[in-house]
Amino acid sequence: MVFNGTKFQIQVWKYLKKIPKGQTRTYLDVAKAINRPKAVRAVANAIGKNPYAPKVPCHRVIRSDGGLGGYSGPGGIKTKKKLLKMEGILF
């Protein structure tokens, strides 16, 4: 898959592809995984601009407090809930 975005966005999106089906990560987890632990907001912004959803599974990223956060893919948060439920993630 060829990504079009900033270097940072591409780094975030490539990491998202590594999150196994049926698992979630927090925005902080993603920031730490790409060695940018203080860039949580930038990670959230990059995820929010993901034009490849759900192929690049941004629906697997949730807030640190357990909240779902947002979903910029078609259908918004309803779709995020549906995708997570289909993967066996209950909330």
N, C-alpha and C. Protein backbone atom coordinates (compact mmCIF):
# COMPACT_ATOMS: atom_id res chain seq x y z
N MET A 1 0.85 -1.18 0.00
CA MET A 1 0.00 0.00 0.00
C MET A 1 0.89 1.24 0.00
N VAL A 2 0.60 2.15 -0.89
CA VAL A 2 1.34 3.41 -0.97
C VAL A 2 0.52 4.48 -0.27
N PHE A 3 1.15 5.15 0.68
CA PHE A 3 0.47 6.20 1.45
C PHE A 3 0.81 7.57 0.90
N ASN A 4 -0.17 8.44 0.94
CA ASN A 4 0.05 9.85 0.62
C ASN A 4 -0.27 10.66 1.87
N GLY A 5 0.72 11.34 2.41
CA GLY A 5 0.56 12.15 3.62
C GLY A 5 1.92 12.67 4.03
N THR A 6 1.96 13.31 5.18
CA THR A 6 3.24 13.79 5.68
C THR A 6 4.05 12.59 6.20
N LYS A 7 5.31 12.80 6.39
CA LYS A 7 6.18 11.74 6.90
C LYS A 7 5.64 11.21 8.25
N PHE A 8 5.22 12.14 9.10
CA PHE A 8 4.68 11.77 10.41
C PHE A 8 3.39 10.96 10.26
N GLN A 9 2.46 11.43 9.42
CA GLN A 9 1.20 10.72 9.22
C GLN A 9 1.46 9.30 8.72
N ILE A 10 2.35 9.17 7.78
CA ILE A 10 2.66 7.86 7.21
C ILE A 10 3.23 6.94 8.28
N GLN A 11 4.07 7.49 9.15
CA GLN A 11 4.64 6.70 10.25
C GLN A 11 3.52 6.18 11.16
N VAL A 12 2.57 7.05 11.48
CA VAL A 12 1.44 6.66 12.33
C VAL A 12 0.59 5.61 11.62
N TRP A 13 0.24 5.84 10.37
CA TRP A 13 -0.63 4.92 9.64
C TRP A 13 0.02 3.55 9.47
N LYS A 14 1.33 3.52 9.24
CA LYS A 14 2.02 2.23 9.12
C LYS A 14 1.95 1.47 10.44
N TYR A 15 2.08 2.19 11.55
CA TYR A 15 1.96 1.52 12.84
C TYR A 15 0.55 0.96 13.03
N LEU A 16 -0.47 1.70 12.65
CA LEU A 16 -1.85 1.25 12.81
C LEU A 16 -2.08 -0.09 12.13
N LYS A 17 -1.44 -0.30 11.00
CA LYS A 17 -1.59 -1.56 10.27
C LYS A 17 -1.04 -2.75 11.06
N LYS A 18 -0.20 -2.49 12.06
CA LYS A 18 0.41 -3.55 12.86
C LYS A 18 -0.46 -3.96 14.06
N ILE A 19 -1.49 -3.18 14.35
CA ILE A 19 -2.36 -3.52 15.49
C ILE A 19 -3.21 -4.73 15.10
N PRO A 20 -3.06 -5.84 15.82
CA PRO A 20 -3.80 -7.05 15.46
C PRO A 20 -5.32 -6.88 15.58
N LYS A 21 -6.01 -7.56 14.71
CA LYS A 21 -7.47 -7.59 14.75
C LYS A 21 -7.90 -8.08 16.13
N GLY A 22 -8.89 -7.42 16.71
CA GLY A 22 -9.40 -7.82 18.02
C GLY A 22 -8.65 -7.19 19.18
N GLN A 23 -7.70 -6.30 18.88
CA GLN A 23 -6.95 -5.61 19.94
C GLN A 23 -7.07 -4.11 19.73
N THR A 24 -6.88 -3.37 20.81
CA THR A 24 -6.88 -1.91 20.72
C THR A 24 -5.58 -1.37 21.29
N ARG A 25 -5.31 -0.13 20.95
CA ARG A 25 -4.21 0.63 21.51
C ARG A 25 -4.76 2.02 21.83
N THR A 26 -4.10 2.71 22.74
CA THR A 26 -4.50 4.09 23.02
C THR A 26 -3.66 5.01 22.13
N TYR A 27 -4.10 6.26 22.07
CA TYR A 27 -3.32 7.26 21.32
C TYR A 27 -1.92 7.37 21.91
N LEU A 28 -1.81 7.28 23.24
CA LEU A 28 -0.51 7.32 23.90
C LEU A 28 0.33 6.10 23.52
N ASP A 29 -0.28 4.93 23.46
CA ASP A 29 0.44 3.72 23.04
C ASP A 29 1.05 3.91 21.65
N VAL A 30 0.26 4.49 20.75
CA VAL A 30 0.74 4.71 19.39
C VAL A 30 1.91 5.69 19.41
N ALA A 31 1.77 6.78 20.16
CA ALA A 31 2.84 7.77 20.24
C ALA A 31 4.13 7.14 20.76
N LYS A 32 4.01 6.32 21.79
CA LYS A 32 5.20 5.65 22.34
C LYS A 32 5.79 4.67 21.33
N ALA A 33 4.94 3.95 20.63
CA ALA A 33 5.40 2.93 19.68
C ALA A 33 6.20 3.52 18.53
N ILE A 34 5.89 4.76 18.17
CA ILE A 34 6.64 5.41 17.08
C ILE A 34 7.74 6.31 17.63
N ASN A 35 8.06 6.11 18.91
CA ASN A 35 9.13 6.88 19.59
C ASN A 35 8.88 8.38 19.63
N ARG A 36 7.61 8.74 19.79
CA ARG A 36 7.22 10.16 19.93
C ARG A 36 6.24 10.28 21.10
N PRO A 37 6.66 9.90 22.33
CA PRO A 37 5.73 9.81 23.45
C PRO A 37 5.04 11.11 23.84
N LYS A 38 5.58 12.24 23.45
CA LYS A 38 4.94 13.52 23.79
C LYS A 38 4.05 14.04 22.66
N ALA A 39 3.94 13.27 21.60
CA ALA A 39 3.19 13.71 20.43
C ALA A 39 1.79 13.09 20.35
N VAL A 40 1.15 12.93 21.50
CA VAL A 40 -0.16 12.27 21.54
C VAL A 40 -1.18 13.03 20.70
N ARG A 41 -1.21 14.34 20.83
CA ARG A 41 -2.18 15.11 20.04
C ARG A 41 -1.89 15.04 18.55
N ALA A 42 -0.62 15.07 18.20
CA ALA A 42 -0.25 14.96 16.78
C ALA A 42 -0.64 13.59 16.24
N VAL A 43 -0.47 12.56 17.06
CA VAL A 43 -0.89 11.21 16.67
C VAL A 43 -2.40 11.19 16.45
N ALA A 44 -3.15 11.76 17.37
CA ALA A 44 -4.61 11.81 17.23
C ALA A 44 -5.01 12.56 15.95
N ASN A 45 -4.32 13.64 15.65
CA ASN A 45 -4.61 14.40 14.43
C ASN A 45 -4.30 13.57 13.19
N ALA A 46 -3.17 12.86 13.20
CA ALA A 46 -2.81 12.02 12.05
C ALA A 46 -3.83 10.91 11.86
N ILE A 47 -4.27 10.32 12.97
CA ILE A 47 -5.27 9.26 12.89
C ILE A 47 -6.59 9.82 12.35
N GLY A 48 -6.93 11.02 12.80
CA GLY A 48 -8.16 11.67 12.32
C GLY A 48 -8.13 12.00 10.84
N LYS A 49 -6.95 12.06 10.26
CA LYS A 49 -6.81 12.38 8.83
C LYS A 49 -6.56 11.14 7.99
N ASN A 50 -6.70 9.97 8.59
CA ASN A 50 -6.47 8.71 7.89
C ASN A 50 -7.50 8.54 6.76
N PRO A 51 -7.06 8.63 5.50
CA PRO A 51 -8.01 8.47 4.39
C PRO A 51 -8.20 7.01 3.98
N TYR A 52 -7.54 6.10 4.68
CA TYR A 52 -7.54 4.70 4.29
C TYR A 52 -8.38 3.79 5.18
N ALA A 53 -9.20 4.39 6.03
CA ALA A 53 -10.04 3.60 6.93
C ALA A 53 -11.07 2.81 6.12
N PRO A 54 -11.39 1.60 6.51
CA PRO A 54 -10.87 0.81 7.61
C PRO A 54 -9.67 -0.06 7.25
N LYS A 55 -9.14 0.03 6.00
CA LYS A 55 -7.96 -0.75 5.65
C LYS A 55 -6.79 -0.48 6.59
N VAL A 56 -6.61 0.78 6.91
CA VAL A 56 -5.66 1.17 7.96
C VAL A 56 -6.54 1.34 9.19
N PRO A 57 -6.47 0.38 10.12
CA PRO A 57 -7.47 0.24 11.18
C PRO A 57 -7.38 1.26 12.32
N CYS A 58 -7.69 2.50 12.01
CA CYS A 58 -7.69 3.53 13.05
C CYS A 58 -8.80 3.30 14.07
N HIS A 59 -9.78 2.47 13.73
CA HIS A 59 -10.86 2.17 14.68
C HIS A 59 -10.35 1.41 15.89
N ARG A 60 -9.15 0.86 15.81
CA ARG A 60 -8.57 0.11 16.93
C ARG A 60 -7.86 0.99 17.94
N VAL A 61 -7.90 2.30 17.74
CA VAL A 61 -7.25 3.23 18.66
C VAL A 61 -8.32 3.93 19.48
N ILE A 62 -8.14 3.87 20.80
CA ILE A 62 -9.11 4.45 21.73
C ILE A 62 -8.40 5.41 22.69
N ARG A 63 -9.19 6.11 23.47
CA ARG A 63 -8.63 7.05 24.44
C ARG A 63 -8.08 6.31 25.65
N SER A 64 -7.17 6.94 26.36
CA SER A 64 -6.56 6.33 27.56
C SER A 64 -7.58 6.07 28.67
N ASP A 65 -8.66 6.85 28.68
CA ASP A 65 -9.68 6.65 29.72
C ASP A 65 -10.70 5.58 29.34
N GLY A 66 -10.46 4.90 28.23
CA GLY A 66 -11.36 3.85 27.77
C GLY A 66 -12.44 4.32 26.82
N GLY A 67 -12.55 5.65 26.65
CA GLY A 67 -13.52 6.19 25.70
C GLY A 67 -13.12 5.86 24.28
N LEU A 68 -14.08 5.85 23.40
CA LEU A 68 -13.80 5.48 22.02
C LEU A 68 -13.02 6.53 21.23
N GLY A 69 -13.12 7.78 21.63
CA GLY A 69 -12.51 8.83 20.82
C GLY A 69 -13.36 9.03 19.58
N GLY A 70 -12.75 9.52 18.52
CA GLY A 70 -13.51 9.78 17.30
C GLY A 70 -13.25 8.73 16.24
N TYR A 71 -13.90 8.92 15.10
CA TYR A 71 -13.68 8.06 13.94
C TYR A 71 -14.03 8.88 12.72
N SER A 72 -13.04 9.10 11.87
CA SER A 72 -13.25 9.97 10.70
C SER A 72 -13.68 9.19 9.47
N GLY A 73 -13.74 7.87 9.59
CA GLY A 73 -14.19 7.07 8.46
C GLY A 73 -15.68 7.24 8.23
N PRO A 74 -16.16 6.69 7.12
CA PRO A 74 -17.59 6.78 6.81
C PRO A 74 -18.45 6.24 7.95
N GLY A 75 -19.47 6.97 8.33
CA GLY A 75 -20.38 6.54 9.38
C GLY A 75 -20.00 6.99 10.77
N GLY A 76 -18.81 7.59 10.90
CA GLY A 76 -18.38 8.12 12.18
C GLY A 76 -18.30 7.09 13.29
N ILE A 77 -18.60 7.54 14.50
CA ILE A 77 -18.45 6.71 15.70
C ILE A 77 -19.31 5.45 15.66
N LYS A 78 -20.47 5.51 14.99
CA LYS A 78 -21.32 4.32 14.86
C LYS A 78 -20.57 3.20 14.14
N THR A 79 -19.85 3.58 13.10
CA THR A 79 -19.07 2.60 12.35
C THR A 79 -17.93 2.07 13.20
N LYS A 80 -17.28 2.94 13.97
CA LYS A 80 -16.18 2.50 14.84
C LYS A 80 -16.69 1.44 15.81
N LYS A 81 -17.83 1.70 16.44
CA LYS A 81 -18.41 0.74 17.37
C LYS A 81 -18.70 -0.59 16.68
N LYS A 82 -19.27 -0.51 15.49
CA LYS A 82 -19.62 -1.70 14.72
C LYS A 82 -18.37 -2.51 14.37
N LEU A 83 -17.32 -1.84 13.90
CA LEU A 83 -16.08 -2.52 13.54
C LEU A 83 -15.44 -3.20 14.75
N LEU A 84 -15.42 -2.51 15.88
CA LEU A 84 -14.85 -3.08 17.09
C LEU A 84 -15.66 -4.29 17.56
N LYS A 85 -16.96 -4.17 17.49
CA LYS A 85 -17.83 -5.28 17.90
C LYS A 85 -17.61 -6.50 17.01
N MET A 86 -17.46 -6.26 15.70
CA MET A 86 -17.21 -7.36 14.75
C MET A 86 -15.89 -8.05 15.05
N GLU A 87 -14.95 -7.35 15.67
CA GLU A 87 -13.65 -7.93 16.02
C GLU A 87 -13.66 -8.52 17.43
N GLY A 88 -14.82 -8.50 18.07
CA GLY A 88 -14.94 -9.10 19.40
C GLY A 88 -14.55 -8.20 20.54
N ILE A 89 -14.44 -6.92 20.28
CA ILE A 89 -14.09 -5.96 21.33
C ILE A 89 -15.38 -5.37 21.88
N LEU A 90 -15.63 -5.65 23.15
CA LEU A 90 -16.83 -5.15 23.81
C LEU A 90 -16.47 -3.99 24.71
N PHE A 91 -17.34 -3.03 24.79
CA PHE A 91 -17.07 -1.83 25.59
C PHE A 91 -18.31 -1.43 26.35
